[in-house]
Amino acid sequence: MEIRELRYFVAIAEELHFGRAAQRLEIAQPPLSRALARLERQLGVTLLERTSRKVTLTEAGAVLLSEGRAILSAVATAERRTQEAAQRRPHLVLAAKSGTADELLAKLLDAHRAEPGAATVDLLLCEAHQHQKLLKNGQADVALLHLPFDSTAGLDTEILYTERQVAILPTSHPLAGHSRLRAAEVTELPELPMARWPGPDGDYPEGPGAEVRNLTQLFQLIALGRTTVIIPESAAIGLRRDLAAVPVLDAPPVTTVLAWPPQSRLRAVADLIRVATRVAVVP
């Protein structure tokens, strides 16, 4: 089995559409179909069930998808680590959702930088649900995730802290002056429908609320009276003056964790986790 064939298969299995997979890989569709047929002949199994209407994974295909993702992640990481070794300096990429956990990140990066022999940490800011892909394709070594919003399936994790959630409202709204709210009071506001975030597949759920991808965009839309949101309290630190954060008593708590691929054996990752658990406190 060649790495190229495995990469082709993973793209098809994740997209479940030959056209989209070919577009993602920037190749024509016929070579993609031939590569899959060759892979199935080599393995002696059927990996995908194909009809004129849809493509589905077989049980064998699901196994190869899981194993293939891990292999491609390891290959990408090996390539990057080999290139970094030539620079003779430890190097680490930390992925974090743009606009979240700013206070923790500042403390973590400052404390880690002060450690003797600390690796250089590059901060990779991303959007919702991109962490998993970045970790699995080797673009990131470790990521800050927020449960229950982010998936940690297939990753090792270390809990840092748990916090309550708050509603973000325009200061002009009648509820902005309350000391606390219930979730239903926020989610059922007809004039401020709840913001909608993209799912892991990039699609937005149905609903009247504004489609958002990051906190900067979200806060601007809330200030304009177009939407609202319930988010972790730490995301509201340094909130703009035309917005108010009100605690939501019955909103589920949010737990911030560090996550990394289970096959990682990097000392730099272990060092970062050790520093993070030391400096992490509930905001």
Protein backbone atom coordinates (compact mmCIF):
# COMPACT_ATOMS: atom_id res chain seq x y z
CA MET A 1 0.00 0.00 0.00
CA GLU A 2 1.38 3.40 -1.00
CA ILE A 3 0.95 6.57 1.03
CA ARG A 4 -0.55 8.27 -2.03
CA GLU A 5 -3.22 5.57 -2.35
CA LEU A 6 -3.98 5.80 1.35
CA ARG A 7 -4.32 9.58 1.09
CA TYR A 8 -6.71 9.17 -1.82
CA PHE A 9 -8.81 6.64 0.07
CA VAL A 10 -9.07 8.82 3.20
CA ALA A 11 -10.23 11.77 1.10
CA ILE A 12 -12.95 9.66 -0.56
CA ALA A 13 -14.01 8.08 2.76
CA GLU A 14 -14.29 11.46 4.47
CA GLU A 15 -16.13 13.16 1.61
CA LEU A 16 -18.18 10.10 0.53
CA HIS A 17 -18.20 11.73 -2.88
CA PHE A 18 -15.66 11.12 -5.66
CA GLY A 19 -16.07 14.58 -7.18
CA ARG A 20 -15.50 16.43 -3.90
CA ALA A 21 -12.57 14.17 -3.02
CA ALA A 22 -10.93 14.83 -6.40
CA GLN A 23 -11.44 18.56 -5.95
CA ARG A 24 -9.95 18.41 -2.45
CA LEU A 25 -6.91 16.49 -3.73
CA GLU A 26 -6.66 18.73 -6.82
CA ILE A 27 -6.61 15.79 -9.22
CA ALA A 28 -8.96 14.46 -11.91
CA GLN A 29 -11.64 11.99 -10.85
CA PRO A 30 -10.64 9.00 -13.11
CA PRO A 31 -7.17 8.52 -11.52
CA LEU A 32 -8.84 8.64 -8.12
CA SER A 33 -11.27 5.87 -9.07
CA ARG A 34 -8.44 3.76 -10.52
CA ALA A 35 -6.33 4.20 -7.37
CA LEU A 36 -9.22 3.04 -5.18
CA ALA A 37 -9.86 -0.01 -7.36
CA ARG A 38 -6.15 -0.90 -7.21
CA LEU A 39 -6.15 -0.55 -3.42
CA GLU A 40 -9.19 -2.82 -3.09
CA ARG A 41 -7.50 -5.44 -5.29
CA GLN A 42 -4.31 -5.29 -3.22
CA LEU A 43 -6.20 -5.74 0.05
CA GLY A 44 -8.72 -8.21 -1.31
CA VAL A 45 -11.65 -6.39 0.28
CA THR A 46 -14.39 -3.95 -0.68
CA LEU A 47 -13.78 -0.60 0.99
CA LEU A 48 -16.71 1.38 -0.40
CA GLU A 49 -20.19 0.53 -1.59
CA ARG A 50 -20.96 2.68 -4.64
CA THR A 51 -24.32 3.30 -6.27
CA SER A 52 -25.51 6.02 -8.64
CA ARG A 53 -26.96 7.86 -5.64
CA LYS A 54 -24.41 7.56 -2.83
CA VAL A 55 -21.11 6.23 -1.53
CA THR A 56 -20.93 4.41 1.81
CA LEU A 57 -18.12 2.83 3.81
CA THR A 58 -18.01 -0.91 4.36
CA GLU A 59 -16.90 -2.28 7.73
CA ALA A 60 -13.44 -2.89 6.26
CA GLY A 61 -13.42 0.64 4.86
CA ALA A 62 -14.24 2.11 8.26
CA VAL A 63 -11.27 0.26 9.77
CA LEU A 64 -8.91 1.50 7.05
CA LEU A 65 -10.20 5.05 7.47
CA SER A 66 -9.39 5.02 11.18
CA GLU A 67 -5.97 3.42 10.67
CA GLY A 68 -5.25 5.54 7.60
CA ARG A 69 -5.86 8.80 9.43
CA ALA A 70 -3.39 7.78 12.12
CA ILE A 71 -0.80 6.74 9.51
CA LEU A 72 -1.12 9.97 7.51
CA SER A 73 -0.87 12.00 10.71
CA ALA A 74 2.29 10.15 11.69
CA VAL A 75 3.79 10.65 8.22
CA ALA A 76 3.01 14.38 8.21
CA THR A 77 4.45 14.77 11.70
CA ALA A 78 7.56 12.81 10.73
CA GLU A 79 8.13 15.04 7.72
CA ARG A 80 7.78 18.21 9.79
CA ARG A 81 9.90 16.88 12.65
CA THR A 82 12.65 15.81 10.24
CA GLN A 83 12.76 19.29 8.74
CA GLU A 84 12.76 20.89 12.18
CA ALA A 85 15.60 18.65 13.33
CA ALA A 86 17.85 20.35 10.81
CA GLN A 87 17.23 23.60 12.70
CA ARG A 88 18.49 21.93 15.91
CA ARG A 89 15.84 23.56 18.06
CA PRO A 90 12.75 21.94 19.64
CA HIS A 91 9.58 23.20 18.01
CA LEU A 92 5.89 22.84 18.87
CA VAL A 93 2.63 23.95 17.25
CA LEU A 94 -0.32 24.75 19.55
CA ALA A 95 -3.75 25.12 17.91
CA ALA A 96 -6.41 27.26 19.59
CA LYS A 97 -9.76 28.62 18.52
CA SER A 98 -9.43 32.31 17.67
CA GLY A 99 -10.61 34.56 20.50
CA THR A 100 -10.92 31.85 23.18
CA ALA A 101 -8.87 31.23 26.33
CA ASP A 102 -6.78 34.36 25.70
CA GLU A 103 -5.86 34.79 29.37
CA LEU A 104 -4.82 31.14 29.71
CA LEU A 105 -2.80 31.28 26.50
CA ALA A 106 -0.91 34.37 27.64
CA LYS A 107 -0.05 32.77 31.01
CA LEU A 108 0.84 29.45 29.41
CA LEU A 109 3.12 30.87 26.72
CA ASP A 110 4.88 33.21 29.17
CA ALA A 111 5.44 30.46 31.75
CA HIS A 112 6.56 27.94 29.14
CA ARG A 113 9.00 30.41 27.57
CA ALA A 114 10.66 30.82 30.98
CA GLU A 115 11.33 27.07 31.29
CA PRO A 116 15.00 26.03 30.76
CA GLY A 117 15.43 24.53 27.29
CA ALA A 118 11.80 25.19 26.38
CA ALA A 119 10.73 24.44 22.82
CA THR A 120 9.63 27.26 20.57
CA VAL A 121 5.81 27.32 20.53
CA ASP A 122 4.02 28.52 17.40
CA LEU A 123 0.38 29.48 18.03
CA LEU A 124 -1.95 28.38 15.25
CA LEU A 125 -5.29 30.19 15.50
CA CYS A 126 -8.14 28.31 13.89
CA GLU A 127 -11.92 28.28 13.61
CA ALA A 128 -14.49 25.98 15.18
CA HIS A 129 -13.98 22.22 14.66
CA GLN A 130 -10.64 22.59 12.84
CA HIS A 131 -8.55 21.26 15.78
CA GLN A 132 -9.10 17.58 15.01
CA LYS A 133 -7.98 17.96 11.40
CA LEU A 134 -4.91 19.99 12.39
CA LEU A 135 -3.85 17.37 14.95
CA LYS A 136 -4.49 14.42 12.66
CA ASN A 137 -2.71 15.81 9.61
CA GLY A 138 0.34 16.81 11.63
CA GLN A 139 -0.08 20.59 11.29
CA ALA A 140 -0.47 20.90 15.08
CA ASP A 141 1.09 18.93 17.95
CA VAL A 142 -1.37 19.91 20.68
CA ALA A 143 -4.64 21.87 20.84
CA LEU A 144 -6.87 23.68 23.31
CA LEU A 145 -10.36 22.20 23.16
CA HIS A 146 -13.58 23.05 24.96
CA LEU A 147 -15.98 20.34 26.08
CA PRO A 148 -18.77 19.64 25.28
CA PHE A 149 -18.43 21.73 22.09
CA ASP A 150 -15.31 20.10 20.63
CA SER A 151 -14.80 16.40 20.02
CA THR A 152 -11.83 14.66 21.64
CA ALA A 153 -12.49 11.29 19.96
CA GLY A 154 -9.22 9.49 19.30
CA LEU A 155 -7.14 12.00 21.26
CA ASP A 156 -5.40 12.00 24.63
CA THR A 157 -6.43 14.86 26.91
CA GLU A 158 -5.52 16.73 30.09
CA ILE A 159 -8.20 18.73 31.90
CA LEU A 160 -7.17 22.31 32.73
CA TYR A 161 -10.27 23.94 34.24
CA THR A 162 -14.06 24.08 34.18
CA GLU A 163 -16.08 27.30 34.02
CA ARG A 164 -19.65 28.56 33.79
CA GLN A 165 -21.29 30.08 30.72
CA VAL A 166 -22.66 33.56 30.08
CA ALA A 167 -25.08 35.12 27.64
CA ILE A 168 -23.73 37.94 25.47
CA LEU A 169 -26.28 40.69 24.83
CA PRO A 170 -26.31 44.26 23.52
CA THR A 171 -26.11 46.64 26.50
CA SER A 172 -29.33 48.23 25.25
CA HIS A 173 -31.31 45.00 25.64
CA PRO A 174 -33.64 44.73 28.70
CA LEU A 175 -32.01 41.47 29.85
CA ALA A 176 -28.52 42.98 29.83
CA GLY A 177 -29.05 44.50 33.26
CA HIS A 178 -30.00 41.21 34.94
CA SER A 179 -27.59 39.58 37.40
CA ARG A 180 -28.36 36.09 36.08
CA LEU A 181 -30.57 34.37 33.51
CA ARG A 182 -31.98 30.99 32.60
CA ALA A 183 -31.04 29.45 29.26
CA ALA A 184 -34.63 29.55 27.99
CA GLU A 185 -34.77 33.31 28.55
CA VAL A 186 -31.91 33.67 26.07
CA THR A 187 -32.58 30.93 23.54
CA GLU A 188 -36.22 31.94 23.06
CA LEU A 189 -35.65 35.62 22.30
CA PRO A 190 -37.44 36.20 18.95
CA GLU A 191 -35.60 39.47 18.31
CA LEU A 192 -32.17 37.93 18.99
CA PRO A 193 -32.06 34.38 17.55
CA MET A 194 -29.15 32.24 18.70
CA ALA A 195 -26.00 32.38 16.59
CA ARG A 196 -25.21 29.29 14.52
CA TRP A 197 -21.72 27.75 14.38
CA PRO A 198 -20.59 25.38 11.61
CA GLY A 199 -20.46 21.68 12.43
CA PRO A 200 -17.45 19.39 11.82
CA ASP A 201 -18.51 19.05 8.16
CA GLY A 202 -18.56 22.83 7.72
CA ASP A 203 -22.35 22.99 7.35
CA TYR A 204 -24.53 25.22 9.54
CA PRO A 205 -27.58 23.88 11.41
CA GLU A 206 -30.96 25.19 10.35
CA GLY A 207 -32.29 28.24 12.16
CA PRO A 208 -32.88 31.98 11.98
CA GLY A 209 -29.72 33.02 13.84
CA ALA A 210 -26.69 34.53 12.15
CA GLU A 211 -24.00 32.21 10.76
CA VAL A 212 -20.70 32.87 12.56
CA ARG A 213 -17.15 31.49 12.45
CA ASN A 214 -15.25 33.48 15.08
CA LEU A 215 -15.83 35.70 18.12
CA THR A 216 -14.91 38.97 16.41
CA GLN A 217 -17.63 38.45 13.83
CA LEU A 218 -20.04 37.19 16.49
CA PHE A 219 -19.61 40.14 18.84
CA GLN A 220 -20.12 42.63 16.02
CA LEU A 221 -23.38 40.96 15.02
CA ILE A 222 -24.60 40.92 18.64
CA ALA A 223 -23.79 44.63 19.05
CA LEU A 224 -25.84 45.30 15.91
CA GLY A 225 -28.81 43.48 17.45
CA ARG A 226 -28.78 40.59 14.98
CA THR A 227 -28.08 37.58 17.22
CA THR A 228 -27.01 36.38 20.67
CA VAL A 229 -25.00 33.50 22.14
CA ILE A 230 -24.21 31.55 25.30
CA ILE A 231 -20.45 31.00 25.62
CA PRO A 232 -17.78 30.22 28.25
CA GLU A 233 -17.20 33.08 30.66
CA SER A 234 -13.51 33.36 29.75
CA ALA A 235 -14.44 34.24 26.15
CA ALA A 236 -16.08 37.41 27.46
CA ILE A 237 -12.95 38.79 29.16
CA GLY A 238 -12.25 42.26 27.78
CA LEU A 239 -15.70 42.40 26.19
CA ARG A 240 -16.42 45.49 24.07
CA ARG A 241 -18.34 48.27 25.84
CA ASP A 242 -21.56 47.91 23.85
CA LEU A 243 -22.00 44.30 25.00
CA ALA A 244 -22.90 42.74 28.36
CA ALA A 245 -22.16 39.27 29.74
CA VAL A 246 -24.82 37.77 32.03
CA PRO A 247 -24.31 34.40 33.84
CA VAL A 248 -26.66 31.64 32.67
CA LEU A 249 -27.44 29.48 35.70
CA ASP A 250 -28.57 26.29 33.97
CA ALA A 251 -26.15 26.30 31.04
CA PRO A 252 -23.82 23.27 31.17
CA PRO A 253 -20.29 24.02 32.42
CA VAL A 254 -17.48 24.12 29.85
CA THR A 255 -14.23 22.24 30.44
CA THR A 256 -11.03 23.39 28.74
CA VAL A 257 -8.56 20.62 27.92
CA LEU A 258 -5.27 20.16 26.12
CA ALA A 259 -5.49 17.41 23.50
CA TRP A 260 -2.86 15.62 21.43
CA PRO A 261 -2.60 12.52 19.21
CA PRO A 262 -2.19 9.33 21.30
CA GLN A 263 0.86 8.26 19.29
CA SER A 264 2.74 11.45 20.24
CA ARG A 265 5.86 10.82 22.30
CA LEU A 266 7.31 14.31 22.07
CA ARG A 267 8.96 15.56 25.23
CA ALA A 268 8.03 19.11 24.20
CA VAL A 269 4.33 18.19 24.37
CA ALA A 270 4.76 16.68 27.83
CA ASP A 271 6.60 19.81 28.99
CA LEU A 272 3.83 22.08 27.68
CA ILE A 273 1.15 20.00 29.43
CA ARG A 274 3.08 20.14 32.70
CA VAL A 275 3.30 23.95 32.54
CA ALA A 276 -0.35 24.28 31.50
CA THR A 277 -1.62 22.29 34.50
CA ARG A 278 0.47 24.51 36.76
CA VAL A 279 -0.75 27.88 35.45
CA ALA A 280 -4.36 26.97 34.58
CA VAL A 281 -6.94 28.44 36.97
CA VAL A 282 -10.64 29.08 36.57
CA PRO A 283 -10.93 32.57 34.98
